[in-house]
Amino acid sequence: QVQLVESGGGLVQAGGSLRLSCAASGRTFSTYAMGWFRQAPGKEREYVAGIDWSGGSTYYADSVKGRFTISRVNAKNTLYLQMNSLKPEDTAVYYCAAPSTGIGSVVRVKSLYGLWGPGTQVTVSS
């Protein structure tokens, strides 16, 4: 059974930073792509960033490009999302996710992600 557990969320002022972590267990983490998503109240879950199996290729939504950085440490089975210059519109529950099948390259399509963590709340005050 694959398990993904996010941590690192919290309350931060606009302009501040947070680093989210996602610990993975129960599957060969180092062989597949990962992604971060977020869902604000009343809105659909949206793609934030994705990374390939090696960490060498990444992709970002336009709304976070230049402010957020996705990374991974395969030896620790951990995915990260460094969030800088946070804005109130970044407020959401953040989820890490893995593709349902063993895809190694960056996955940009939400429907291909089938494994999700419970999420961690990020609140940015103005």
Foldseek 3Di string as FASTA:
>chain_A
DKAKAKDWADEEAAQAKIKMKIAIDDDQQLQAKKFKWWDDPPGDIAGAKIAFSHQPDMDGDPVQPPFWDWGDDSVRNMIMIIGGRDDQVVWTWMKMFTFPDRHGGTDRDPVRTDGIHPTDTHGYHD
